[in-house]
C-alpha cells in the first residue's frame, strides 16, 4: 500500500530527514500514479537526492504531463538525473527546471537529450548560469527538435554570442513560437 503524501506538495518542514521522507513519498506516488497529470514541487529545496528520486519515478510514470522543479538546489548532478529520465519518458510535455544551477554542462546535456525529443513542448531553464558556451548546445538542439514550442532562457548570461547562436538556429527551427531571453 502506497502512503499518500500530504495534500500540499510544498515542503513544510526544514528538517532534512522529514524532507527526504517526503521526497520518497512523492517518488512512490509518481511511480504508481494513474491520474495526476501536473506536479509542482518547485521551491522545495529537494537538492540532488530529491531530484534523483523524482527522476526514478519519471522514468516509469506514464501520465504526468507537467512538472515544476524550479529552485530546488539540484545543481548538475540532480539535473543530470532528470535528463536521463527524460530519455525514456514519453509523456512529459512541460518541464520547469529554472534556478537549479545547471550551468553550461547541464545545458549541454539537455541539448543532447532533447535533440530528438518528441513530447516536450515547453522547457524553462531560466536562471541556471548558462553562458554562450552552453547556449551553443541549446541552439543545436533547436535546429533538430521539431516539437519544442516554448523555451525560457531568462536570467542566464548568454550574451551577444549566445543570442547570435540562437538567432541562427531559429532560421532553421519552424516550431518554436515563444522564446524568453530577459536579463
N, C-alpha and C. Protein backbone atom coordinates (compact mmCIF):
# COMPACT_ATOMS: atom_id res chain seq x y z
N UNK A 1 0.84 -1.18 0.00
CA UNK A 1 0.00 0.00 0.00
C UNK A 1 0.89 1.23 0.00
N UNK A 2 0.65 2.12 -0.94
CA UNK A 2 1.42 3.36 -1.03
C UNK A 2 0.77 4.41 -0.17
N UNK A 3 1.61 5.00 0.70
CA UNK A 3 1.10 6.08 1.55
C UNK A 3 1.08 7.35 0.74
N UNK A 4 0.01 8.08 0.84
CA UNK A 4 -0.14 9.33 0.11
C UNK A 4 0.67 10.44 0.80
N UNK A 5 1.31 11.30 0.00
CA UNK A 5 1.99 12.46 0.60
C UNK A 5 0.96 13.44 1.10
N UNK A 6 1.39 14.40 1.90
CA UNK A 6 0.45 15.42 2.37
C UNK A 6 -0.21 16.11 1.18
N UNK A 7 -1.40 16.70 1.39
CA UNK A 7 -2.12 17.37 0.30
C UNK A 7 -1.23 18.35 -0.44
N UNK A 8 -0.52 19.17 0.26
CA UNK A 8 0.38 20.12 -0.37
C UNK A 8 1.70 19.43 -0.67
N UNK A 9 2.18 19.60 -1.89
CA UNK A 9 3.48 19.02 -2.23
C UNK A 9 4.60 20.00 -1.94
N UNK A 10 4.26 21.15 -1.36
CA UNK A 10 5.31 22.10 -0.97
C UNK A 10 5.91 21.65 0.35
N UNK A 11 7.20 21.91 0.52
CA UNK A 11 7.88 21.47 1.72
C UNK A 11 7.36 22.25 2.93
N UNK A 12 7.07 21.53 3.98
CA UNK A 12 6.53 22.13 5.19
C UNK A 12 7.61 22.26 6.26
N UNK A 13 8.47 21.27 6.36
CA UNK A 13 9.48 21.24 7.40
C UNK A 13 10.87 21.39 6.80
N UNK A 14 11.76 22.01 7.53
CA UNK A 14 13.13 22.15 7.04
C UNK A 14 14.03 21.03 7.55
N UNK A 15 13.52 20.14 8.38
CA UNK A 15 14.34 19.03 8.87
C UNK A 15 14.71 18.12 7.71
N UNK A 16 15.99 17.83 7.55
CA UNK A 16 16.48 17.06 6.41
C UNK A 16 15.81 15.69 6.31
N UNK A 17 15.67 14.99 7.41
CA UNK A 17 15.07 13.66 7.35
C UNK A 17 13.61 13.73 6.93
N UNK A 18 12.90 14.75 7.37
CA UNK A 18 11.49 14.91 7.01
C UNK A 18 11.36 15.22 5.52
N UNK A 19 12.23 16.08 5.01
CA UNK A 19 12.20 16.43 3.59
C UNK A 19 12.52 15.19 2.76
N UNK A 20 13.52 14.43 3.15
CA UNK A 20 13.90 13.22 2.40
C UNK A 20 12.76 12.21 2.41
N UNK A 21 12.08 12.07 3.54
CA UNK A 21 10.95 11.14 3.65
C UNK A 21 9.83 11.58 2.70
N UNK A 22 9.56 12.88 2.66
CA UNK A 22 8.52 13.41 1.79
C UNK A 22 8.87 13.18 0.33
N UNK A 23 10.15 13.34 -0.03
CA UNK A 23 10.59 13.09 -1.40
C UNK A 23 10.33 11.64 -1.77
N UNK A 24 10.59 10.74 -0.85
CA UNK A 24 10.33 9.32 -1.08
C UNK A 24 8.86 9.06 -1.33
N UNK A 25 8.00 9.71 -0.55
CA UNK A 25 6.55 9.56 -0.74
C UNK A 25 6.14 10.05 -2.13
N UNK A 26 6.67 11.20 -2.51
CA UNK A 26 6.32 11.76 -3.82
C UNK A 26 6.80 10.85 -4.93
N UNK A 27 8.00 10.32 -4.79
CA UNK A 27 8.55 9.41 -5.79
C UNK A 27 7.69 8.15 -5.92
N UNK A 28 7.30 7.57 -4.80
CA UNK A 28 6.44 6.38 -4.82
C UNK A 28 5.10 6.68 -5.46
N UNK A 29 4.55 7.85 -5.12
CA UNK A 29 3.26 8.24 -5.68
C UNK A 29 3.36 8.37 -7.20
N UNK A 30 4.43 9.00 -7.69
CA UNK A 30 4.59 9.16 -9.13
C UNK A 30 4.76 7.83 -9.85
N UNK A 31 5.43 6.90 -9.21
CA UNK A 31 5.62 5.58 -9.82
C UNK A 31 4.30 4.84 -9.99
N UNK A 32 3.39 5.02 -9.05
CA UNK A 32 2.10 4.32 -9.08
C UNK A 32 0.98 5.17 -9.68
N UNK A 33 1.27 6.43 -9.97
CA UNK A 33 0.26 7.38 -10.42
C UNK A 33 -0.50 6.92 -11.67
N UNK A 34 -1.80 7.05 -11.60
CA UNK A 34 -2.65 6.75 -12.75
C UNK A 34 -3.59 7.92 -13.07
N UNK A 35 -3.44 9.05 -12.34
CA UNK A 35 -4.39 10.14 -12.55
C UNK A 35 -3.74 11.54 -12.55
N UNK A 36 -2.70 11.77 -11.77
CA UNK A 36 -2.08 13.08 -11.65
C UNK A 36 -1.34 13.45 -12.93
N UNK A 37 -1.71 14.56 -13.55
CA UNK A 37 -1.05 14.97 -14.79
C UNK A 37 -0.14 16.18 -14.59
N UNK A 38 -0.20 16.83 -13.43
CA UNK A 38 0.62 18.00 -13.17
C UNK A 38 1.12 17.97 -11.73
N UNK A 39 2.42 18.21 -11.56
CA UNK A 39 3.02 18.23 -10.22
C UNK A 39 3.93 19.43 -10.08
N UNK A 40 3.71 20.22 -9.03
CA UNK A 40 4.53 21.38 -8.74
C UNK A 40 5.23 21.14 -7.41
N UNK A 41 6.52 20.90 -7.48
CA UNK A 41 7.32 20.82 -6.26
C UNK A 41 8.48 21.81 -6.34
N UNK A 42 8.21 22.93 -7.01
CA UNK A 42 9.18 24.00 -7.08
C UNK A 42 9.38 24.63 -5.71
N UNK A 43 10.56 25.18 -5.49
CA UNK A 43 10.91 25.92 -4.27
C UNK A 43 11.00 25.03 -3.03
N UNK A 44 11.12 23.74 -3.18
CA UNK A 44 11.17 22.84 -2.03
C UNK A 44 12.59 22.52 -1.56
N UNK A 45 13.58 22.93 -2.34
CA UNK A 45 14.99 22.69 -1.96
C UNK A 45 15.28 21.19 -1.78
N UNK A 46 14.81 20.37 -2.72
CA UNK A 46 15.00 18.93 -2.59
C UNK A 46 16.41 18.48 -2.93
N UNK A 47 17.20 19.32 -3.57
CA UNK A 47 18.59 19.01 -3.86
C UNK A 47 18.77 17.84 -4.82
N UNK A 48 20.02 17.39 -4.91
CA UNK A 48 20.39 16.30 -5.84
C UNK A 48 19.67 15.00 -5.50
N UNK A 49 19.62 14.67 -4.23
CA UNK A 49 19.00 13.40 -3.83
C UNK A 49 17.51 13.39 -4.15
N UNK A 50 16.84 14.49 -3.90
CA UNK A 50 15.42 14.58 -4.23
C UNK A 50 15.19 14.49 -5.73
N UNK A 51 16.06 15.13 -6.51
CA UNK A 51 15.94 15.06 -7.97
C UNK A 51 16.14 13.63 -8.46
N UNK A 52 17.05 12.90 -7.83
CA UNK A 52 17.28 11.51 -8.23
C UNK A 52 16.03 10.66 -7.98
N UNK A 53 15.39 10.88 -6.84
CA UNK A 53 14.15 10.15 -6.54
C UNK A 53 13.04 10.49 -7.53
N UNK A 54 12.91 11.76 -7.85
CA UNK A 54 11.89 12.19 -8.81
C UNK A 54 12.21 11.61 -10.19
N UNK A 55 13.49 11.59 -10.56
CA UNK A 55 13.85 11.07 -11.89
C UNK A 55 13.57 9.58 -12.01
N UNK A 56 13.76 8.83 -10.92
CA UNK A 56 13.43 7.39 -10.95
C UNK A 56 11.95 7.20 -11.25
N UNK A 57 11.13 8.02 -10.64
CA UNK A 57 9.68 7.93 -10.86
C UNK A 57 9.33 8.39 -12.28
N UNK A 58 10.01 9.41 -12.76
CA UNK A 58 9.74 9.95 -14.08
C UNK A 58 10.02 8.92 -15.18
N UNK A 59 10.97 8.05 -14.94
CA UNK A 59 11.31 7.02 -15.92
C UNK A 59 10.17 6.03 -16.14
N UNK A 60 9.36 5.79 -15.12
CA UNK A 60 8.29 4.81 -15.24
C UNK A 60 6.89 5.42 -15.29
N UNK A 61 6.77 6.69 -14.95
CA UNK A 61 5.45 7.35 -14.95
C UNK A 61 4.93 7.47 -16.38
N UNK A 62 3.69 7.11 -16.56
CA UNK A 62 3.08 7.11 -17.90
C UNK A 62 1.97 8.14 -18.07
N UNK A 63 1.84 9.09 -17.13
CA UNK A 63 0.71 10.01 -17.21
C UNK A 63 1.07 11.49 -16.95
N UNK A 64 2.10 11.76 -16.17
CA UNK A 64 2.46 13.13 -15.80
C UNK A 64 2.86 13.93 -17.04
N UNK A 65 2.20 15.07 -17.24
CA UNK A 65 2.47 15.89 -18.42
C UNK A 65 3.21 17.19 -18.09
N UNK A 66 3.06 17.65 -16.83
CA UNK A 66 3.68 18.92 -16.45
C UNK A 66 4.38 18.74 -15.11
N UNK A 67 5.66 19.16 -15.07
CA UNK A 67 6.46 19.01 -13.86
C UNK A 67 7.22 20.29 -13.58
N UNK A 68 7.01 20.85 -12.40
CA UNK A 68 7.69 22.07 -11.97
C UNK A 68 8.70 21.71 -10.89
N UNK A 69 9.97 21.82 -11.23
CA UNK A 69 11.06 21.53 -10.30
C UNK A 69 11.94 22.76 -10.06
N UNK A 70 11.41 23.92 -10.28
CA UNK A 70 12.22 25.14 -10.19
C UNK A 70 12.76 25.37 -8.77
N UNK A 71 13.95 25.96 -8.74
CA UNK A 71 14.57 26.42 -7.50
C UNK A 71 14.64 25.33 -6.43
N UNK A 72 15.32 24.23 -6.75
CA UNK A 72 15.44 23.11 -5.84
C UNK A 72 16.88 22.73 -5.50
N UNK A 73 17.81 23.62 -5.78
CA UNK A 73 19.23 23.36 -5.45
C UNK A 73 19.74 22.05 -6.06
N UNK A 74 19.35 21.76 -7.27
CA UNK A 74 19.70 20.48 -7.89
C UNK A 74 21.14 20.44 -8.37
N UNK A 75 21.65 21.52 -8.87
CA UNK A 75 22.96 21.60 -9.48
C UNK A 75 23.10 20.54 -10.58
N UNK A 76 24.30 20.35 -11.11
CA UNK A 76 24.46 19.48 -12.27
C UNK A 76 24.05 18.03 -11.99
N UNK A 77 24.43 17.50 -10.86
CA UNK A 77 24.15 16.09 -10.55
C UNK A 77 22.65 15.79 -10.56
N UNK A 78 21.87 16.65 -9.96
CA UNK A 78 20.42 16.46 -9.95
C UNK A 78 19.81 16.67 -11.32
N UNK A 79 20.32 17.66 -12.04
CA UNK A 79 19.84 17.94 -13.39
C UNK A 79 20.15 16.76 -14.31
N UNK A 80 21.32 16.17 -14.12
CA UNK A 80 21.72 15.02 -14.94
C UNK A 80 20.72 13.86 -14.77
N UNK A 81 20.29 13.61 -13.55
CA UNK A 81 19.34 12.51 -13.33
C UNK A 81 18.00 12.79 -14.02
N UNK A 82 17.56 14.04 -14.04
CA UNK A 82 16.32 14.39 -14.72
C UNK A 82 16.48 14.22 -16.24
N UNK A 83 17.62 14.63 -16.77
CA UNK A 83 17.87 14.50 -18.21
C UNK A 83 17.86 13.03 -18.63
N UNK A 84 18.48 12.18 -17.84
CA UNK A 84 18.50 10.74 -18.13
C UNK A 84 17.07 10.19 -18.12
N UNK A 85 16.27 10.61 -17.16
CA UNK A 85 14.88 10.15 -17.08
C UNK A 85 14.07 10.61 -18.29
N UNK A 86 14.37 11.79 -18.80
CA UNK A 86 13.65 12.31 -19.96
C UNK A 86 13.87 11.46 -21.20
N UNK A 87 15.02 10.80 -21.27
CA UNK A 87 15.30 9.95 -22.43
C UNK A 87 14.28 8.83 -22.57
N UNK A 88 13.82 8.29 -21.45
CA UNK A 88 12.86 7.19 -21.52
C UNK A 88 11.41 7.63 -21.33
N UNK A 89 11.19 8.81 -20.79
CA UNK A 89 9.82 9.29 -20.57
C UNK A 89 9.21 9.74 -21.90
N UNK A 90 8.04 9.21 -22.22
CA UNK A 90 7.38 9.51 -23.50
C UNK A 90 6.14 10.39 -23.34
N UNK A 91 5.91 10.94 -22.15
CA UNK A 91 4.68 11.66 -21.87
C UNK A 91 4.90 13.14 -21.53
N UNK A 92 5.90 13.44 -20.73
CA UNK A 92 6.08 14.80 -20.20
C UNK A 92 6.15 15.84 -21.33
N UNK A 93 5.33 16.87 -21.23
CA UNK A 93 5.27 17.90 -22.25
C UNK A 93 5.79 19.25 -21.75
N UNK A 94 5.80 19.47 -20.44
CA UNK A 94 6.14 20.78 -19.87
C UNK A 94 7.05 20.58 -18.67
N UNK A 95 8.27 21.13 -18.75
CA UNK A 95 9.24 20.97 -17.67
C UNK A 95 9.83 22.31 -17.29
N UNK A 96 9.75 22.65 -16.01
CA UNK A 96 10.35 23.87 -15.47
C UNK A 96 11.45 23.45 -14.50
N UNK A 97 12.69 23.73 -14.89
CA UNK A 97 13.83 23.44 -14.01
C UNK A 97 14.69 24.69 -13.83
N UNK A 98 14.02 25.83 -13.79
CA UNK A 98 14.71 27.10 -13.59
C UNK A 98 15.36 27.18 -12.22
N UNK A 99 16.38 28.02 -12.12
CA UNK A 99 17.10 28.29 -10.87
C UNK A 99 17.58 27.02 -10.17
N UNK A 100 18.28 26.16 -10.91
CA UNK A 100 18.85 24.96 -10.32
C UNK A 100 20.35 24.84 -10.57
N UNK A 101 20.97 25.90 -11.02
CA UNK A 101 22.43 25.96 -11.22
C UNK A 101 22.95 24.83 -12.10
N UNK A 102 22.30 24.59 -13.22
CA UNK A 102 22.76 23.54 -14.12
C UNK A 102 24.03 23.92 -14.86
N UNK A 103 24.25 25.20 -15.09
CA UNK A 103 25.44 25.65 -15.78
C UNK A 103 25.52 25.17 -17.22
N UNK A 104 26.67 25.39 -17.84
CA UNK A 104 26.87 25.01 -19.23
C UNK A 104 26.87 23.49 -19.42
N UNK A 105 27.37 22.75 -18.42
CA UNK A 105 27.36 21.29 -18.52
C UNK A 105 25.93 20.75 -18.58
N UNK A 106 25.05 21.33 -17.78
CA UNK A 106 23.65 20.93 -17.80
C UNK A 106 22.98 21.31 -19.11
N UNK A 107 23.32 22.49 -19.64
CA UNK A 107 22.76 22.92 -20.92
C UNK A 107 23.23 21.98 -22.04
N UNK A 108 24.48 21.56 -21.97
CA UNK A 108 25.00 20.61 -22.96
C UNK A 108 24.23 19.29 -22.90
N UNK A 109 24.04 18.80 -21.69
CA UNK A 109 23.32 17.54 -21.50
C UNK A 109 21.88 17.64 -22.01
N UNK A 110 21.17 18.70 -21.63
CA UNK A 110 19.79 18.87 -22.08
C UNK A 110 19.72 19.07 -23.59
N UNK A 111 20.69 19.79 -24.14
CA UNK A 111 20.73 19.98 -25.59
C UNK A 111 20.82 18.65 -26.32
N UNK A 112 21.65 17.75 -25.82
CA UNK A 112 21.80 16.44 -26.45
C UNK A 112 20.56 15.57 -26.27
N UNK A 113 20.01 15.55 -25.06
CA UNK A 113 18.85 14.71 -24.76
C UNK A 113 17.61 15.16 -25.53
N UNK A 114 17.45 16.46 -25.68
CA UNK A 114 16.22 16.98 -26.29
C UNK A 114 16.28 17.15 -27.81
N UNK A 115 17.41 16.83 -28.39
CA UNK A 115 17.55 16.98 -29.84
C UNK A 115 16.41 16.31 -30.61
N UNK A 116 16.07 15.11 -30.24
CA UNK A 116 15.04 14.36 -30.95
C UNK A 116 13.84 14.03 -30.07
N UNK A 117 13.68 14.74 -28.98
CA UNK A 117 12.57 14.51 -28.06
C UNK A 117 11.27 14.91 -28.73
N UNK A 118 10.31 14.01 -28.72
CA UNK A 118 9.07 14.24 -29.44
C UNK A 118 7.92 14.76 -28.58
N UNK A 119 8.02 14.66 -27.26
CA UNK A 119 6.88 15.04 -26.43
C UNK A 119 7.02 16.41 -25.77
N UNK A 120 8.21 16.81 -25.39
CA UNK A 120 8.38 18.06 -24.66
C UNK A 120 8.08 19.26 -25.56
N UNK A 121 7.13 20.09 -25.15
CA UNK A 121 6.78 21.28 -25.92
C UNK A 121 7.18 22.58 -25.21
N UNK A 122 7.40 22.50 -23.90
CA UNK A 122 7.80 23.69 -23.14
C UNK A 122 8.95 23.32 -22.20
N UNK A 123 10.02 24.11 -22.27
CA UNK A 123 11.18 23.92 -21.39
C UNK A 123 11.57 25.26 -20.79
N UNK A 124 11.60 25.31 -19.46
CA UNK A 124 12.01 26.52 -18.74
C UNK A 124 13.32 26.22 -18.02
N UNK A 125 14.39 26.86 -18.49
CA UNK A 125 15.71 26.67 -17.87
C UNK A 125 16.30 28.04 -17.50
N UNK A 126 15.45 28.92 -17.05
CA UNK A 126 15.85 30.28 -16.68
C UNK A 126 16.72 30.26 -15.40
N UNK A 127 17.58 31.27 -15.30
CA UNK A 127 18.38 31.46 -14.09
C UNK A 127 19.29 30.29 -13.74
N UNK A 128 19.89 29.66 -14.74
CA UNK A 128 20.70 28.47 -14.50
C UNK A 128 22.19 28.66 -14.79
N UNK A 129 22.64 29.91 -14.82
CA UNK A 129 24.05 30.21 -15.01
C UNK A 129 24.59 29.66 -16.33
N UNK A 130 23.76 29.72 -17.37
CA UNK A 130 24.15 29.27 -18.70
C UNK A 130 24.78 30.44 -19.45
N UNK A 131 25.95 30.22 -20.03
CA UNK A 131 26.64 31.24 -20.81
C UNK A 131 26.49 30.92 -22.30
N UNK A 132 27.21 31.66 -23.14
CA UNK A 132 27.15 31.38 -24.58
C UNK A 132 27.69 29.98 -24.89
N UNK A 133 28.57 29.46 -24.02
CA UNK A 133 29.11 28.11 -24.21
C UNK A 133 27.99 27.06 -24.12
N UNK A 134 27.13 27.18 -23.15
CA UNK A 134 26.01 26.26 -23.01
C UNK A 134 24.92 26.53 -24.04
N UNK A 135 24.81 27.79 -24.45
CA UNK A 135 23.79 28.16 -25.43
C UNK A 135 24.03 27.49 -26.77
N UNK A 136 25.29 27.21 -27.10
CA UNK A 136 25.53 26.57 -28.40
C UNK A 136 24.88 25.18 -28.47
N UNK A 137 24.78 24.48 -27.33
CA UNK A 137 24.13 23.17 -27.31
C UNK A 137 22.61 23.30 -27.38
N UNK A 138 22.09 24.35 -26.76
CA UNK A 138 20.66 24.62 -26.83
C UNK A 138 20.29 25.00 -28.27
N UNK A 139 21.11 25.83 -28.90
CA UNK A 139 20.87 26.25 -30.29
C UNK A 139 20.93 25.04 -31.23
N UNK A 140 21.89 24.17 -31.02
CA UNK A 140 21.99 22.96 -31.84
C UNK A 140 20.76 22.08 -31.67
N UNK A 141 20.27 21.98 -30.45
CA UNK A 141 19.06 21.22 -30.19
C UNK A 141 17.89 21.82 -30.95
N UNK A 142 17.79 23.14 -30.97
CA UNK A 142 16.68 23.81 -31.67
C UNK A 142 16.68 23.53 -33.17
N UNK A 143 17.85 23.33 -33.74
CA UNK A 143 17.95 23.01 -35.16
C UNK A 143 17.28 21.67 -35.46
N UNK A 144 17.41 20.72 -34.54
CA UNK A 144 16.91 19.36 -34.76
C UNK A 144 15.53 19.09 -34.15
N UNK A 145 15.21 19.73 -33.03
CA UNK A 145 13.96 19.46 -32.32
C UNK A 145 12.79 20.08 -33.07
N UNK A 146 11.79 19.27 -33.36
CA UNK A 146 10.63 19.72 -34.13
C UNK A 146 9.36 19.81 -33.29
N UNK A 147 9.49 19.78 -31.96
CA UNK A 147 8.31 19.81 -31.10
C UNK A 147 8.29 20.92 -30.07
N UNK A 148 9.44 21.38 -29.65
CA UNK A 148 9.51 22.42 -28.62
C UNK A 148 8.92 23.72 -29.16
N UNK A 149 7.91 24.25 -28.48
CA UNK A 149 7.29 25.49 -28.93
C UNK A 149 7.59 26.67 -28.00
N UNK A 150 8.04 26.40 -26.78
CA UNK A 150 8.34 27.47 -25.82
C UNK A 150 9.64 27.15 -25.08
N UNK A 151 10.55 28.11 -25.10
CA UNK A 151 11.84 27.97 -24.42
C UNK A 151 12.09 29.22 -23.59
N UNK A 152 12.30 29.03 -22.30
CA UNK A 152 12.53 30.14 -21.38
C UNK A 152 13.98 30.10 -20.92
N UNK A 153 14.76 31.05 -21.42
CA UNK A 153 16.19 31.17 -21.09
C UNK A 153 16.49 32.45 -20.30
N UNK A 154 15.48 33.07 -19.72
CA UNK A 154 15.70 34.33 -18.99
C UNK A 154 16.73 34.15 -17.87
N UNK A 155 17.32 35.25 -17.50
CA UNK A 155 18.21 35.33 -16.34
C UNK A 155 19.41 34.39 -16.43
N UNK A 156 19.89 34.16 -17.64
CA UNK A 156 21.15 33.46 -17.87
C UNK A 156 22.13 34.49 -18.43
N UNK A 157 23.32 34.09 -18.71
CA UNK A 157 24.36 35.00 -19.19
C UNK A 157 24.79 34.62 -20.60
N UNK A 158 23.84 34.54 -21.52
CA UNK A 158 24.17 34.05 -22.86
C UNK A 158 24.91 35.09 -23.69
N UNK A 159 24.73 36.36 -23.39
CA UNK A 159 25.43 37.44 -24.08
C UNK A 159 25.12 37.51 -25.56
N UNK A 160 25.88 38.35 -26.25
CA UNK A 160 25.68 38.55 -27.69
C UNK A 160 25.98 37.28 -28.48
N UNK A 161 27.04 36.57 -28.08
CA UNK A 161 27.41 35.34 -28.79
C UNK A 161 26.29 34.31 -28.71
N UNK A 162 25.70 34.16 -27.54
CA UNK A 162 24.60 33.22 -27.37
C UNK A 162 23.37 33.64 -28.16
N UNK A 163 23.10 34.95 -28.19
CA UNK A 163 21.95 35.46 -28.93
C UNK A 163 22.11 35.20 -30.43
N UNK A 164 23.32 35.36 -30.92
CA UNK A 164 23.60 35.09 -32.34
C UNK A 164 23.40 33.60 -32.64
N UNK A 165 23.88 32.74 -31.76
CA UNK A 165 23.71 31.30 -31.95
C UNK A 165 22.22 30.93 -32.00
N UNK A 166 21.44 31.50 -31.12
CA UNK A 166 20.01 31.24 -31.09
C UNK A 166 19.32 31.76 -32.35
N UNK A 167 19.70 32.95 -32.80
CA UNK A 167 19.06 33.51 -33.99
C UNK A 167 19.36 32.67 -35.22
N UNK A 168 20.56 32.12 -35.30
CA UNK A 168 20.91 31.24 -36.43
C UNK A 168 20.07 29.95 -36.37
N UNK A 169 19.90 29.41 -35.18
CA UNK A 169 19.11 28.18 -35.02
C UNK A 169 17.64 28.42 -35.37
N UNK A 170 17.14 29.59 -35.03
CA UNK A 170 15.74 29.90 -35.30
C UNK A 170 15.44 30.10 -36.78
N UNK A 171 16.47 30.32 -37.57
CA UNK A 171 16.28 30.41 -39.02
C UNK A 171 15.88 29.04 -39.58
N UNK A 172 16.29 27.99 -38.87
CA UNK A 172 16.03 26.62 -39.32
C UNK A 172 14.82 26.03 -38.59
N UNK A 173 14.71 26.31 -37.31
CA UNK A 173 13.62 25.76 -36.49
C UNK A 173 12.29 26.38 -36.90
N UNK A 174 11.29 25.53 -37.11
CA UNK A 174 9.99 26.04 -37.52
C UNK A 174 8.90 25.84 -36.48
N UNK A 175 9.25 25.40 -35.27
CA UNK A 175 8.22 25.12 -34.28
C UNK A 175 8.25 26.01 -33.06
N UNK A 176 9.39 26.59 -32.72
CA UNK A 176 9.47 27.43 -31.52
C UNK A 176 8.69 28.72 -31.77
N UNK A 177 7.68 28.96 -30.96
CA UNK A 177 6.85 30.16 -31.11
C UNK A 177 7.06 31.15 -29.98
N UNK A 178 7.70 30.74 -28.89
CA UNK A 178 7.92 31.63 -27.76
C UNK A 178 9.33 31.41 -27.21
N UNK A 179 10.12 32.48 -27.18
CA UNK A 179 11.48 32.44 -26.64
C UNK A 179 11.62 33.58 -25.67
N UNK A 180 11.97 33.28 -24.42
CA UNK A 180 12.12 34.30 -23.38
C UNK A 180 13.60 34.46 -23.08
N UNK A 181 14.09 35.72 -23.20
CA UNK A 181 15.51 35.99 -23.03
C UNK A 181 15.82 37.15 -22.11
N UNK A 182 14.91 37.65 -21.34
CA UNK A 182 15.15 38.83 -20.49
C UNK A 182 16.32 38.61 -19.56
N UNK A 183 16.99 39.70 -19.19
CA UNK A 183 18.13 39.62 -18.27
C UNK A 183 17.67 39.35 -16.88
